[in-house]
Amino acid sequence: MDKELIACDRPGIDPKWPKPKSIELRLKKAPPWIVQMALEAIEDYVSRADCDASRELPNKRNVTNFEAGSLGARQSFQILDGAPQQSDWLSRLAAWARYHEVGLRHEYFWHCQYREFFPDRPRGLMMFNLSESAAMMGVFALLGWREQVTYSGYLCHAAVNQGFQLALQYRDEHKRAQIFMLQLFADWKGDASHAWPSYASAEPIYQHLLANWRTPDASLLIPCLLAACDRHTHQCGNDTLSRFYEFNSDIGLQRVPVEILFLLRLREWEGLVNPTIDHPLMSAPFNVLAAEQPIPPLDELMAGSLRRAQTDWPQYDDVVSMASVRTLAKSTVAP
């Protein structure tokens, strides 16, 4: 094991890796109307302003509004991008992470219901953002929320096992860092699996880490963790029609080691000592794992969104239950 890990080749830091100032500038340019539009759509859902009283259930007006999933993720990623300049970033991150929690359940539920209502469309709905949800699993881990990590990891596997994921993202974009996180989750739990495409195993750095992340000697992981940090810097850029980045300018997280922190948190939960990683990607506040953060209650908007989904769909809680998604996460059938 020692030789295998020490031989982990480092690609070096990409000279084009975005500087902190460029991240700050991008955050300042983020249009506030995007957040406002999403909140208004959720408010319409909660108040039933979107409903057509002339129609009976089921109809498209009663689709569970999963705007909160992407909104929570987008805001969480922006908070992490700006964390070095913000003292209250953890509490703000926790609040938006709860938005993603509710939206994730709504999104998964409607993918399941779509196939019930439209059995003549065998491909079903394919809008599940797997890479975004995997990255948010890392956010839950950063917050120290073990139950949320467990649930979202199982749900991601349940979604991909049923073919709910965005086809282009799964087939062409090759988000290896995010898939590495899901593979790491599956190894951690031992009862989740998926028949991933071959590209998911094509990164030697991640394969070494998957094989050895539980080693008691934390120092043995340092060469590959440094290589993984280097690799992160090469995965930051603007997508083109033929080149896709795992941490592109739309997603963010270009200077946030979400995949590294995820591995370190799992080691912590396994009772293992973590190494110190001397790399610019691991700069404060990401140089240490944050203490477990309190889980804030759902705000009025999210509580209302959840109530409406449960009222419209009596089967909602069963479909999105831990038991249900855990069962479907065990499938190894390729979509």
C-alpha atoms as a PDB file:
ATOM      1  CA  MET A   1       0.000   0.000   0.000  1.00  0.00           C
ATOM      2  CA  ASP A   2       2.828   2.415   0.891  1.00  0.00           C
ATOM      3  CA  LYS A   3       4.459   2.237  -2.540  1.00  0.00           C
ATOM      4  CA  GLU A   4       1.135   2.548  -4.331  1.00  0.00           C
ATOM      5  CA  LEU A   5       0.218   5.729  -2.474  1.00  0.00           C
ATOM      6  CA  ILE A   6       3.668   7.297  -2.648  1.00  0.00           C
ATOM      7  CA  ALA A   7       3.695   6.698  -6.407  1.00  0.00           C
ATOM      8  CA  CYS A   8       0.561   8.841  -6.853  1.00  0.00           C
ATOM      9  CA  ASP A   9       1.650  11.330  -9.531  1.00  0.00           C
ATOM     10  CA  ARG A  10       0.953  15.018  -8.927  1.00  0.00           C
ATOM     11  CA  PRO A  11      -0.187  17.043 -11.939  1.00  0.00           C
ATOM     12  CA  GLY A  12       0.936  20.277 -10.247  1.00  0.00           C
ATOM     13  CA  ILE A  13      -1.157  23.384  -9.640  1.00  0.00           C
ATOM     14  CA  ASP A  14      -2.774  24.744 -12.782  1.00  0.00           C
ATOM     15  CA  PRO A  15      -1.301  28.213 -13.487  1.00  0.00           C
ATOM     16  CA  LYS A  16      -4.768  29.256 -14.696  1.00  0.00           C
ATOM     17  CA  TRP A  17      -6.421  28.338 -11.399  1.00  0.00           C
ATOM     18  CA  PRO A  18      -8.679  31.304 -10.446  1.00  0.00           C
ATOM     19  CA  LYS A  19      -7.179  33.694  -7.920  1.00  0.00           C
ATOM     20  CA  PRO A  20      -9.143  34.696  -4.782  1.00  0.00           C
ATOM     21  CA  LYS A  21      -9.722  38.182  -6.223  1.00  0.00           C
ATOM     22  CA  SER A  22     -11.388  36.757  -9.329  1.00  0.00           C
ATOM     23  CA  ILE A  23     -13.710  34.707  -7.119  1.00  0.00           C
ATOM     24  CA  GLU A  24     -14.613  37.820  -5.129  1.00  0.00           C
ATOM     25  CA  LEU A  25     -15.356  39.723  -8.339  1.00  0.00           C
ATOM     26  CA  ARG A  26     -17.577  36.940  -9.658  1.00  0.00           C
ATOM     27  CA  LEU A  27     -19.548  36.870  -6.411  1.00  0.00           C
ATOM     28  CA  LYS A  28     -20.103  40.623  -6.547  1.00  0.00           C
ATOM     29  CA  LYS A  29     -21.507  40.276 -10.060  1.00  0.00           C
ATOM     30  CA  ALA A  30     -24.011  37.564  -9.109  1.00  0.00           C
ATOM     31  CA  PRO A  31     -27.460  38.938 -10.090  1.00  0.00           C
ATOM     32  CA  PRO A  32     -29.823  39.048  -7.060  1.00  0.00           C
ATOM     33  CA  TRP A  33     -32.908  38.677  -9.259  1.00  0.00           C
ATOM     34  CA  ILE A  34     -32.147  34.976  -9.794  1.00  0.00           C
ATOM     35  CA  VAL A  35     -32.655  34.303  -6.083  1.00  0.00           C
ATOM     36  CA  GLN A  36     -35.734  36.516  -5.956  1.00  0.00           C
ATOM     37  CA  MET A  37     -37.363  34.740  -8.903  1.00  0.00           C
ATOM     38  CA  ALA A  38     -36.768  31.347  -7.307  1.00  0.00           C
ATOM     39  CA  LEU A  39     -38.202  32.496  -3.976  1.00  0.00           C
ATOM     40  CA  GLU A  40     -41.287  33.908  -5.696  1.00  0.00           C
ATOM     41  CA  ALA A  41     -41.867  30.607  -7.500  1.00  0.00           C
ATOM     42  CA  ILE A  42     -41.654  28.752  -4.179  1.00  0.00           C
ATOM     43  CA  GLU A  43     -44.003  31.274  -2.565  1.00  0.00           C
ATOM     44  CA  ASP A  44     -46.529  30.676  -5.365  1.00  0.00           C
ATOM     45  CA  TYR A  45     -46.290  26.958  -4.705  1.00  0.00           C
ATOM     46  CA  VAL A  46     -46.787  27.347  -0.946  1.00  0.00           C
ATOM     47  CA  SER A  47     -49.737  29.712  -1.354  1.00  0.00           C
ATOM     48  CA  ARG A  48     -51.183  27.656  -4.234  1.00  0.00           C
ATOM     49  CA  ALA A  49     -51.110  30.684  -6.479  1.00  0.00           C
ATOM     50  CA  ASP A  50     -49.943  28.275  -9.181  1.00  0.00           C
ATOM     51  CA  CYS A  51     -53.062  26.076  -8.964  1.00  0.00           C
ATOM     52  CA  ASP A  52     -55.812  25.777 -11.506  1.00  0.00           C
ATOM     53  CA  ALA A  53     -58.955  25.058  -9.503  1.00  0.00           C
ATOM     54  CA  SER A  54     -60.730  23.574 -12.540  1.00  0.00           C
ATOM     55  CA  ARG A  55     -58.409  20.556 -12.630  1.00  0.00           C
ATOM     56  CA  GLU A  56     -58.381  17.411 -10.564  1.00  0.00           C
ATOM     57  CA  LEU A  57     -55.287  15.706  -9.227  1.00  0.00           C
ATOM     58  CA  PRO A  58     -52.987  14.655 -10.734  1.00  0.00           C
ATOM     59  CA  ASN A  59     -52.056  17.506 -13.035  1.00  0.00           C
ATOM     60  CA  LYS A  60     -48.945  19.454 -13.823  1.00  0.00           C
ATOM     61  CA  ARG A  61     -50.004  22.227 -11.474  1.00  0.00           C
ATOM     62  CA  ASN A  62     -49.412  19.894  -8.550  1.00  0.00           C
ATOM     63  CA  VAL A  63     -45.877  18.967  -9.497  1.00  0.00           C
ATOM     64  CA  THR A  64     -43.778  19.231  -6.358  1.00  0.00           C
ATOM     65  CA  ASN A  65     -41.838  22.442  -6.801  1.00  0.00           C
ATOM     66  CA  PHE A  66     -38.162  21.524  -6.504  1.00  0.00           C
ATOM     67  CA  GLU A  67     -36.803  25.010  -7.141  1.00  0.00           C
ATOM     68  CA  ALA A  68     -35.438  25.001  -3.577  1.00  0.00           C
ATOM     69  CA  GLY A  69     -32.969  22.234  -4.432  1.00  0.00           C
ATOM     70  CA  SER A  70     -30.999  24.214  -6.992  1.00  0.00           C
ATOM     71  CA  LEU A  71     -31.499  27.468  -5.103  1.00  0.00           C
ATOM     72  CA  GLY A  72     -30.118  25.970  -1.903  1.00  0.00           C
ATOM     73  CA  ALA A  73     -27.173  24.452  -3.743  1.00  0.00           C
ATOM     74  CA  ARG A  74     -26.369  27.606  -5.681  1.00  0.00           C
ATOM     75  CA  GLN A  75     -26.469  29.758  -2.557  1.00  0.00           C
ATOM     76  CA  SER A  76     -24.468  27.222  -0.565  1.00  0.00           C
ATOM     77  CA  PHE A  77     -21.730  27.146  -3.187  1.00  0.00           C
ATOM     78  CA  GLN A  78     -21.581  30.947  -3.273  1.00  0.00           C
ATOM     79  CA  ILE A  79     -21.307  31.109   0.516  1.00  0.00           C
ATOM     80  CA  LEU A  80     -18.444  28.630   0.425  1.00  0.00           C
ATOM     81  CA  ASP A  81     -16.749  30.629  -2.329  1.00  0.00           C
ATOM     82  CA  GLY A  82     -16.930  33.727  -0.121  1.00  0.00           C
ATOM     83  CA  ALA A  83     -16.191  31.961   3.171  1.00  0.00           C
ATOM     84  CA  PRO A  84     -12.647  33.356   3.593  1.00  0.00           C
ATOM     85  CA  GLN A  85     -14.141  36.867   3.830  1.00  0.00           C
ATOM     86  CA  GLN A  86     -17.221  36.044   5.948  1.00  0.00           C
ATOM     87  CA  SER A  87     -17.251  35.261   9.669  1.00  0.00           C
ATOM     88  CA  ASP A  88     -20.835  33.926   9.695  1.00  0.00           C
ATOM     89  CA  TRP A  89     -20.498  31.635   6.689  1.00  0.00           C
ATOM     90  CA  LEU A  90     -21.283  28.416   8.572  1.00  0.00           C
ATOM     91  CA  SER A  91     -24.658  29.588   9.906  1.00  0.00           C
ATOM     92  CA  ARG A  92     -25.635  30.988   6.526  1.00  0.00           C
ATOM     93  CA  LEU A  93     -24.521  27.769   4.844  1.00  0.00           C
ATOM     94  CA  ALA A  94     -26.651  25.704   7.225  1.00  0.00           C
ATOM     95  CA  ALA A  95     -29.763  27.768   6.424  1.00  0.00           C
ATOM     96  CA  TRP A  96     -29.419  27.337   2.662  1.00  0.00           C
ATOM     97  CA  ALA A  97     -28.477  23.666   2.982  1.00  0.00           C
ATOM     98  CA  ARG A  98     -31.919  23.073   4.458  1.00  0.00           C
ATOM     99  CA  TYR A  99     -33.460  24.542   1.295  1.00  0.00           C
ATOM    100  CA  HIS A 100     -31.580  21.973  -0.712  1.00  0.00           C
ATOM    101  CA  GLU A 101     -32.812  19.211   1.606  1.00  0.00           C
ATOM    102  CA  VAL A 102     -36.457  19.996   0.866  1.00  0.00           C
ATOM    103  CA  GLY A 103     -35.906  20.607  -2.839  1.00  0.00           C
ATOM    104  CA  LEU A 104     -33.954  17.357  -3.191  1.00  0.00           C
ATOM    105  CA  ARG A 105     -36.880  15.367  -1.788  1.00  0.00           C
ATOM    106  CA  HIS A 106     -39.367  17.173  -4.047  1.00  0.00           C
ATOM    107  CA  GLU A 107     -37.198  16.589  -7.113  1.00  0.00           C
ATOM    108  CA  TYR A 108     -36.763  12.892  -6.424  1.00  0.00           C
ATOM    109  CA  PHE A 109     -40.460  12.424  -5.644  1.00  0.00           C
ATOM    110  CA  TRP A 110     -41.614  13.956  -8.906  1.00  0.00           C
ATOM    111  CA  HIS A 111     -39.227  11.846 -10.946  1.00  0.00           C
ATOM    112  CA  CYS A 112     -40.796   8.780  -9.340  1.00  0.00           C
ATOM    113  CA  GLN A 113     -44.353  10.001  -9.922  1.00  0.00           C
ATOM    114  CA  TYR A 114     -43.698  10.953 -13.533  1.00  0.00           C
ATOM    115  CA  ARG A 115     -43.125   7.337 -14.450  1.00  0.00           C
ATOM    116  CA  GLU A 116     -46.320   6.366 -12.659  1.00  0.00           C
ATOM    117  CA  PHE A 117     -48.349   8.880 -14.653  1.00  0.00           C
ATOM    118  CA  PHE A 118     -46.643   8.415 -18.017  1.00  0.00           C
ATOM    119  CA  PRO A 119     -45.790   4.707 -18.371  1.00  0.00           C
ATOM    120  CA  ASP A 120     -45.838   5.154 -22.149  1.00  0.00           C
ATOM    121  CA  ARG A 121     -42.674   7.244 -21.872  1.00  0.00           C
ATOM    122  CA  PRO A 122     -40.103   4.611 -20.870  1.00  0.00           C
ATOM    123  CA  ARG A 123     -37.230   7.061 -20.487  1.00  0.00           C
ATOM    124  CA  GLY A 124     -39.201   9.050 -17.951  1.00  0.00           C
ATOM    125  CA  LEU A 125     -38.149  12.392 -16.548  1.00  0.00           C
ATOM    126  CA  MET A 126     -34.384  12.944 -16.602  1.00  0.00           C
ATOM    127  CA  MET A 127     -33.749  16.238 -14.802  1.00  0.00           C
ATOM    128  CA  PHE A 128     -31.973  15.071 -11.643  1.00  0.00           C
ATOM    129  CA  ASN A 129     -28.757  17.071 -11.197  1.00  0.00           C
ATOM    130  CA  LEU A 130     -26.468  14.351  -9.920  1.00  0.00           C
ATOM    131  CA  SER A 131     -23.256  16.386  -9.730  1.00  0.00           C
ATOM    132  CA  GLU A 132     -24.949  19.228  -7.850  1.00  0.00           C
ATOM    133  CA  SER A 133     -26.520  16.804  -5.379  1.00  0.00           C
ATOM    134  CA  ALA A 134     -23.232  14.957  -4.863  1.00  0.00           C
ATOM    135  CA  ALA A 135     -21.472  18.247  -4.133  1.00  0.00           C
ATOM    136  CA  MET A 136     -24.217  19.125  -1.644  1.00  0.00           C
ATOM    137  CA  MET A 137     -23.618  15.794   0.057  1.00  0.00           C
ATOM    138  CA  GLY A 138     -20.136  17.178   0.620  1.00  0.00           C
ATOM    139  CA  VAL A 139     -21.647  20.375   2.029  1.00  0.00           C
ATOM    140  CA  PHE A 140     -23.672  18.349   4.529  1.00  0.00           C
ATOM    141  CA  ALA A 141     -20.456  16.588   5.524  1.00  0.00           C
ATOM    142  CA  LEU A 142     -18.670  19.908   5.907  1.00  0.00           C
ATOM    143  CA  LEU A 143     -21.450  20.954   8.314  1.00  0.00           C
ATOM    144  CA  GLY A 144     -21.039  17.695  10.214  1.00  0.00           C
ATOM    145  CA  TRP A 145     -24.585  16.502   9.401  1.00  0.00           C
ATOM    146  CA  ARG A 146     -24.152  12.748   9.306  1.00  0.00           C
ATOM    147  CA  GLU A 147     -27.836  11.887   8.863  1.00  0.00           C
ATOM    148  CA  GLN A 148     -28.177  14.286   5.912  1.00  0.00           C
ATOM    149  CA  VAL A 149     -25.041  12.878   4.284  1.00  0.00           C
ATOM    150  CA  THR A 150     -26.422   9.368   4.660  1.00  0.00           C
ATOM    151  CA  TYR A 151     -29.823  10.244   3.243  1.00  0.00           C
ATOM    152  CA  SER A 152     -28.536  12.282   0.295  1.00  0.00           C
ATOM    153  CA  GLY A 153     -25.959   9.630  -0.574  1.00  0.00           C
ATOM    154  CA  TYR A 154     -28.604   6.922  -0.703  1.00  0.00           C
ATOM    155  CA  LEU A 155     -30.997   9.184  -2.611  1.00  0.00           C
ATOM    156  CA  CYS A 156     -28.365  10.013  -5.250  1.00  0.00           C
ATOM    157  CA  HIS A 157     -27.740   6.314  -5.790  1.00  0.00           C
ATOM    158  CA  ALA A 158     -31.488   5.606  -5.915  1.00  0.00           C
ATOM    159  CA  ALA A 159     -31.914   8.356  -8.519  1.00  0.00           C
ATOM    160  CA  VAL A 160     -29.066   7.224 -10.774  1.00  0.00           C
ATOM    161  CA  ASN A 161     -30.083   3.573 -10.469  1.00  0.00           C
ATOM    162  CA  GLN A 162     -33.489   4.538 -11.883  1.00  0.00           C
ATOM    163  CA  GLY A 163     -32.023   6.656 -14.677  1.00  0.00           C
ATOM    164  CA  PHE A 164     -33.295   9.995 -13.367  1.00  0.00           C
ATOM    165  CA  GLN A 165     -30.034  11.882 -13.961  1.00  0.00           C
ATOM    166  CA  LEU A 166     -29.479  14.485 -16.651  1.00  0.00           C
ATOM    167  CA  ALA A 167     -28.356  12.460 -19.667  1.00  0.00           C
ATOM    168  CA  LEU A 168     -25.825  14.979 -21.000  1.00  0.00           C
ATOM    169  CA  GLN A 169     -24.251  15.429 -17.588  1.00  0.00           C
ATOM    170  CA  TYR A 170     -23.965  11.686 -16.997  1.00  0.00           C
ATOM    171  CA  ARG A 171     -22.889  10.738 -20.504  1.00  0.00           C
ATOM    172  CA  ASP A 172     -20.620  13.586 -21.622  1.00  0.00           C
ATOM    173  CA  GLU A 173     -19.621  15.904 -18.792  1.00  0.00           C
ATOM    174  CA  HIS A 174     -17.817  13.227 -16.739  1.00  0.00           C
ATOM    175  CA  LYS A 175     -17.919  14.849 -13.306  1.00  0.00           C
ATOM    176  CA  ARG A 176     -15.337  12.500 -11.836  1.00  0.00           C
ATOM    177  CA  ALA A 177     -14.829  14.388  -8.557  1.00  0.00           C
ATOM    178  CA  GLN A 178     -18.535  14.224  -7.751  1.00  0.00           C
ATOM    179  CA  ILE A 179     -18.765  10.568  -8.766  1.00  0.00           C
ATOM    180  CA  PHE A 180     -15.694   9.876  -6.624  1.00  0.00           C
ATOM    181  CA  MET A 181     -17.623  11.289  -3.679  1.00  0.00           C
ATOM    182  CA  LEU A 182     -20.561   8.981  -4.399  1.00  0.00           C
ATOM    183  CA  GLN A 183     -18.238   5.991  -4.768  1.00  0.00           C
ATOM    184  CA  LEU A 184     -16.623   6.949  -1.484  1.00  0.00           C
ATOM    185  CA  PHE A 185     -20.049   7.131   0.135  1.00  0.00           C
ATOM    186  CA  ALA A 186     -20.912   3.668  -1.206  1.00  0.00           C
ATOM    187  CA  ASP A 187     -17.680   2.252   0.182  1.00  0.00           C
ATOM    188  CA  TRP A 188     -18.324   3.922   3.540  1.00  0.00           C
ATOM    189  CA  LYS A 189     -21.855   2.536   3.888  1.00  0.00           C
ATOM    190  CA  GLY A 190     -21.229  -0.787   2.138  1.00  0.00           C
ATOM    191  CA  ASP A 191     -24.793  -1.204   0.858  1.00  0.00           C
ATOM    192  CA  ALA A 192     -25.095   1.337  -1.981  1.00  0.00           C
ATOM    193  CA  SER A 193     -23.919   0.664  -5.509  1.00  0.00           C
ATOM    194  CA  HIS A 194     -24.265   1.631  -9.147  1.00  0.00           C
ATOM    195  CA  ALA A 195     -22.936   0.275 -12.441  1.00  0.00           C
ATOM    196  CA  TRP A 196     -20.953   3.411 -13.260  1.00  0.00           C
ATOM    197  CA  PRO A 197     -19.623   4.004 -16.787  1.00  0.00           C
ATOM    198  CA  SER A 198     -15.934   3.240 -17.309  1.00  0.00           C
ATOM    199  CA  TYR A 199     -14.884   6.890 -17.053  1.00  0.00           C
ATOM    200  CA  ALA A 200     -15.834   6.834 -13.368  1.00  0.00           C
ATOM    201  CA  SER A 201     -12.795   4.656 -12.669  1.00  0.00           C
ATOM    202  CA  ALA A 202     -10.402   6.373 -15.061  1.00  0.00           C
ATOM    203  CA  GLU A 203      -8.737   8.708 -12.552  1.00  0.00           C
ATOM    204  CA  PRO A 204      -5.852   6.880 -10.792  1.00  0.00           C
ATOM    205  CA  ILE A 205      -5.702   9.457  -7.987  1.00  0.00           C
ATOM    206  CA  TYR A 206      -9.265   8.710  -6.960  1.00  0.00           C
ATOM    207  CA  GLN A 207      -8.823   4.972  -7.356  1.00  0.00           C
ATOM    208  CA  HIS A 208      -5.873   5.016  -4.952  1.00  0.00           C
ATOM    209  CA  LEU A 209      -7.867   7.047  -2.441  1.00  0.00           C
ATOM    210  CA  LEU A 210     -10.916   4.791  -2.733  1.00  0.00           C
ATOM    211  CA  ALA A 211      -8.764   1.743  -2.074  1.00  0.00           C
ATOM    212  CA  ASN A 212      -6.925   3.221   0.898  1.00  0.00           C
ATOM    213  CA  TRP A 213      -8.972   6.006   2.509  1.00  0.00           C
ATOM    214  CA  ARG A 214      -9.444   3.998   5.713  1.00  0.00           C
ATOM    215  CA  THR A 215      -5.732   3.503   6.354  1.00  0.00           C
ATOM    216  CA  PRO A 216      -4.892   4.152  10.046  1.00  0.00           C
ATOM    217  CA  ASP A 217      -1.608   5.826   9.033  1.00  0.00           C
ATOM    218  CA  ALA A 218      -2.819   9.221   7.848  1.00  0.00           C
ATOM    219  CA  SER A 219       0.609  10.167   6.492  1.00  0.00           C
ATOM    220  CA  LEU A 220       0.291   7.520   3.778  1.00  0.00           C
ATOM    221  CA  LEU A 221      -2.623   9.449   2.257  1.00  0.00           C
ATOM    222  CA  ILE A 222      -0.763  12.736   1.907  1.00  0.00           C
ATOM    223  CA  PRO A 223       0.790  12.130  -1.567  1.00  0.00           C
ATOM    224  CA  CYS A 224      -2.549  11.246  -3.132  1.00  0.00           C
ATOM    225  CA  LEU A 225      -4.441  13.967  -1.271  1.00  0.00           C
ATOM    226  CA  LEU A 226      -1.962  16.529  -2.568  1.00  0.00           C
ATOM    227  CA  ALA A 227      -2.406  15.099  -6.069  1.00  0.00           C
ATOM    228  CA  ALA A 228      -6.196  15.347  -5.655  1.00  0.00           C
ATOM    229  CA  CYS A 229      -5.808  18.988  -4.604  1.00  0.00           C
ATOM    230  CA  ASP A 230      -3.699  19.651  -7.700  1.00  0.00           C
ATOM    231  CA  ARG A 231      -6.301  17.935  -9.838  1.00  0.00           C
ATOM    232  CA  HIS A 232      -9.015  20.195  -8.411  1.00  0.00           C
ATOM    233  CA  THR A 233      -7.146  23.262  -9.698  1.00  0.00           C
ATOM    234  CA  HIS A 234      -7.186  21.783 -13.214  1.00  0.00           C
ATOM    235  CA  GLN A 235     -10.961  21.319 -13.060  1.00  0.00           C
ATOM    236  CA  CYS A 236     -11.836  25.010 -12.808  1.00  0.00           C
ATOM    237  CA  GLY A 237     -12.845  26.863 -15.938  1.00  0.00           C
ATOM    238  CA  ASN A 238     -15.633  27.800 -18.317  1.00  0.00           C
ATOM    239  CA  ASP A 239     -17.398  24.925 -20.044  1.00  0.00           C
ATOM    240  CA  THR A 240     -17.378  24.763 -23.823  1.00  0.00           C
ATOM    241  CA  LEU A 241     -19.259  22.516 -26.220  1.00  0.00           C
ATOM    242  CA  SER A 242     -16.501  19.920 -25.955  1.00  0.00           C
ATOM    243  CA  ARG A 243     -14.718  20.614 -22.650  1.00  0.00           C
ATOM    244  CA  PHE A 244     -16.433  20.316 -19.295  1.00  0.00           C
ATOM    245  CA  TYR A 245     -15.073  21.222 -15.887  1.00  0.00           C
ATOM    246  CA  GLU A 246     -16.114  19.664 -12.591  1.00  0.00           C
ATOM    247  CA  PHE A 247     -15.893  23.010 -10.808  1.00  0.00           C
ATOM    248  CA  ASN A 248     -16.843  25.385 -13.572  1.00  0.00           C
ATOM    249  CA  SER A 249     -17.653  29.054 -13.120  1.00  0.00           C
ATOM    250  CA  ASP A 250     -21.393  28.299 -12.891  1.00  0.00           C
ATOM    251  CA  ILE A 251     -21.041  25.766 -10.083  1.00  0.00           C
ATOM    252  CA  GLY A 252     -18.225  27.559  -8.265  1.00  0.00           C
ATOM    253  CA  LEU A 253     -16.260  25.746  -5.535  1.00  0.00           C
ATOM    254  CA  GLN A 254     -13.129  26.494  -7.533  1.00  0.00           C
ATOM    255  CA  ARG A 255     -11.156  27.137  -4.362  1.00  0.00           C
ATOM    256  CA  VAL A 256     -13.261  24.917  -2.082  1.00  0.00           C
ATOM    257  CA  PRO A 257     -11.890  21.367  -1.575  1.00  0.00           C
ATOM    258  CA  VAL A 258     -15.328  19.821  -1.136  1.00  0.00           C
ATOM    259  CA  GLU A 259     -14.232  16.340  -2.248  1.00  0.00           C
ATOM    260  CA  ILE A 260     -11.191  16.375   0.065  1.00  0.00           C
ATOM    261  CA  LEU A 261     -13.194  17.612   3.059  1.00  0.00           C
ATOM    262  CA  PHE A 262     -15.764  14.898   2.384  1.00  0.00           C
ATOM    263  CA  LEU A 263     -13.098  12.189   2.625  1.00  0.00           C
ATOM    264  CA  LEU A 264     -11.644  13.734   5.788  1.00  0.00           C
ATOM    265  CA  ARG A 265     -15.081  13.907   7.431  1.00  0.00           C
ATOM    266  CA  LEU A 266     -15.742  10.253   6.693  1.00  0.00           C
ATOM    267  CA  ARG A 267     -12.400   9.388   8.255  1.00  0.00           C
ATOM    268  CA  GLU A 268     -13.314  11.436  11.310  1.00  0.00           C
ATOM    269  CA  TRP A 269     -16.628   9.585  11.613  1.00  0.00           C
ATOM    270  CA  GLU A 270     -14.686   6.332  11.369  1.00  0.00           C
ATOM    271  CA  GLY A 271     -12.557   7.407  14.325  1.00  0.00           C
ATOM    272  CA  LEU A 272      -9.418   7.878  12.223  1.00  0.00           C
ATOM    273  CA  VAL A 273      -6.818  10.620  12.581  1.00  0.00           C
ATOM    274  CA  ASN A 274      -6.604  12.991   9.626  1.00  0.00           C
ATOM    275  CA  PRO A 275      -3.424  14.280   8.006  1.00  0.00           C
ATOM    276  CA  THR A 276      -2.425  17.915   7.643  1.00  0.00           C
ATOM    277  CA  ILE A 277      -2.474  18.841   3.963  1.00  0.00           C
ATOM    278  CA  ASP A 278      -0.153  21.671   2.985  1.00  0.00           C
ATOM    279  CA  HIS A 279      -1.720  22.938  -0.229  1.00  0.00           C
ATOM    280  CA  PRO A 280      -3.152  26.328  -1.338  1.00  0.00           C
ATOM    281  CA  LEU A 281      -6.542  24.675  -1.924  1.00  0.00           C
ATOM    282  CA  MET A 282      -6.641  23.817   1.780  1.00  0.00           C
ATOM    283  CA  SER A 283      -6.320  27.440   2.904  1.00  0.00           C
ATOM    284  CA  ALA A 284      -8.378  28.774   5.808  1.00  0.00           C
ATOM    285  CA  PRO A 285     -11.152  28.213   6.615  1.00  0.00           C
ATOM    286  CA  PHE A 286     -10.857  24.846   4.845  1.00  0.00           C
ATOM    287  CA  ASN A 287      -7.586  23.833   6.469  1.00  0.00           C
ATOM    288  CA  VAL A 288      -9.510  22.189   9.327  1.00  0.00           C
ATOM    289  CA  LEU A 289     -12.846  20.413   9.569  1.00  0.00           C
ATOM    290  CA  ALA A 290     -15.500  22.653  11.074  1.00  0.00           C
ATOM    291  CA  ALA A 291     -17.207  21.548  14.276  1.00  0.00           C
ATOM    292  CA  GLU A 292     -20.621  19.935  13.811  1.00  0.00           C
ATOM    293  CA  GLN A 293     -23.110  22.718  13.199  1.00  0.00           C
ATOM    294  CA  PRO A 294     -26.611  22.940  14.705  1.00  0.00           C
ATOM    295  CA  ILE A 295     -29.384  22.107  12.248  1.00  0.00           C
ATOM    296  CA  PRO A 296     -31.677  25.126  11.947  1.00  0.00           C
ATOM    297  CA  PRO A 297     -35.430  24.530  11.773  1.00  0.00           C
ATOM    298  CA  LEU A 298     -37.091  24.832   8.393  1.00  0.00           C
ATOM    299  CA  ASP A 299     -38.140  28.396   7.754  1.00  0.00           C
ATOM    300  CA  GLU A 300     -41.767  29.232   6.979  1.00  0.00           C
ATOM    301  CA  LEU A 301     -41.272  28.906   3.228  1.00  0.00           C
ATOM    302  CA  MET A 302     -39.671  25.468   3.363  1.00  0.00           C
ATOM    303  CA  ALA A 303     -42.078  24.195   6.010  1.00  0.00           C
ATOM    304  CA  GLY A 304     -44.962  25.353   3.817  1.00  0.00           C
ATOM    305  CA  SER A 305     -43.461  23.728   0.727  1.00  0.00           C
ATOM    306  CA  LEU A 306     -43.150  20.426   2.556  1.00  0.00           C
ATOM    307  CA  ARG A 307     -46.711  20.653   3.904  1.00  0.00           C
ATOM    308  CA  ARG A 308     -48.167  21.203   0.464  1.00  0.00           C
ATOM    309  CA  ALA A 309     -46.291  18.243  -1.027  1.00  0.00           C
ATOM    310  CA  GLN A 310     -47.495  15.987   1.790  1.00  0.00           C
ATOM    311  CA  THR A 311     -51.073  17.256   1.414  1.00  0.00           C
ATOM    312  CA  ASP A 312     -51.216  16.855  -2.361  1.00  0.00           C
ATOM    313  CA  TRP A 313     -49.549  13.460  -2.354  1.00  0.00           C
ATOM    314  CA  PRO A 314     -50.393  11.088   0.540  1.00  0.00           C
ATOM    315  CA  GLN A 315     -47.650   8.727  -0.660  1.00  0.00           C
ATOM    316  CA  TYR A 316     -44.983  11.448  -0.500  1.00  0.00           C
ATOM    317  CA  ASP A 317     -43.384  10.456   2.803  1.00  0.00           C
ATOM    318  CA  ASP A 318     -43.210   6.789   1.819  1.00  0.00           C
ATOM    319  CA  VAL A 319     -41.601   7.491  -1.569  1.00  0.00           C
ATOM    320  CA  VAL A 320     -38.901   9.758  -0.132  1.00  0.00           C
ATOM    321  CA  SER A 321     -38.335   7.797   3.082  1.00  0.00           C
ATOM    322  CA  MET A 322     -34.886   6.635   4.089  1.00  0.00           C
ATOM    323  CA  ALA A 323     -36.036   3.017   3.848  1.00  0.00           C
ATOM    324  CA  SER A 324     -37.260   3.494   0.269  1.00  0.00           C
ATOM    325  CA  VAL A 325     -34.215   5.296  -1.113  1.00  0.00           C
ATOM    326  CA  ARG A 326     -31.844   2.945   0.718  1.00  0.00           C
ATOM    327  CA  THR A 327     -33.502  -0.063  -0.901  1.00  0.00           C
ATOM    328  CA  LEU A 328     -33.227   1.443  -4.378  1.00  0.00           C
ATOM    329  CA  ALA A 329     -29.646   2.560  -3.733  1.00  0.00           C
ATOM    330  CA  LYS A 330     -28.613  -1.103  -3.629  1.00  0.00           C
ATOM    331  CA  SER A 331     -29.467  -1.751  -7.262  1.00  0.00           C
ATOM    332  CA  THR A 332     -26.553  -2.333  -9.625  1.00  0.00           C
ATOM    333  CA  VAL A 333     -28.595  -2.241 -12.824  1.00  0.00           C
ATOM    334  CA  ALA A 334     -27.240   0.321 -15.284  1.00  0.00           C
ATOM    335  CA  PRO A 335     -29.798   2.938 -16.440  1.00  0.00           C
END
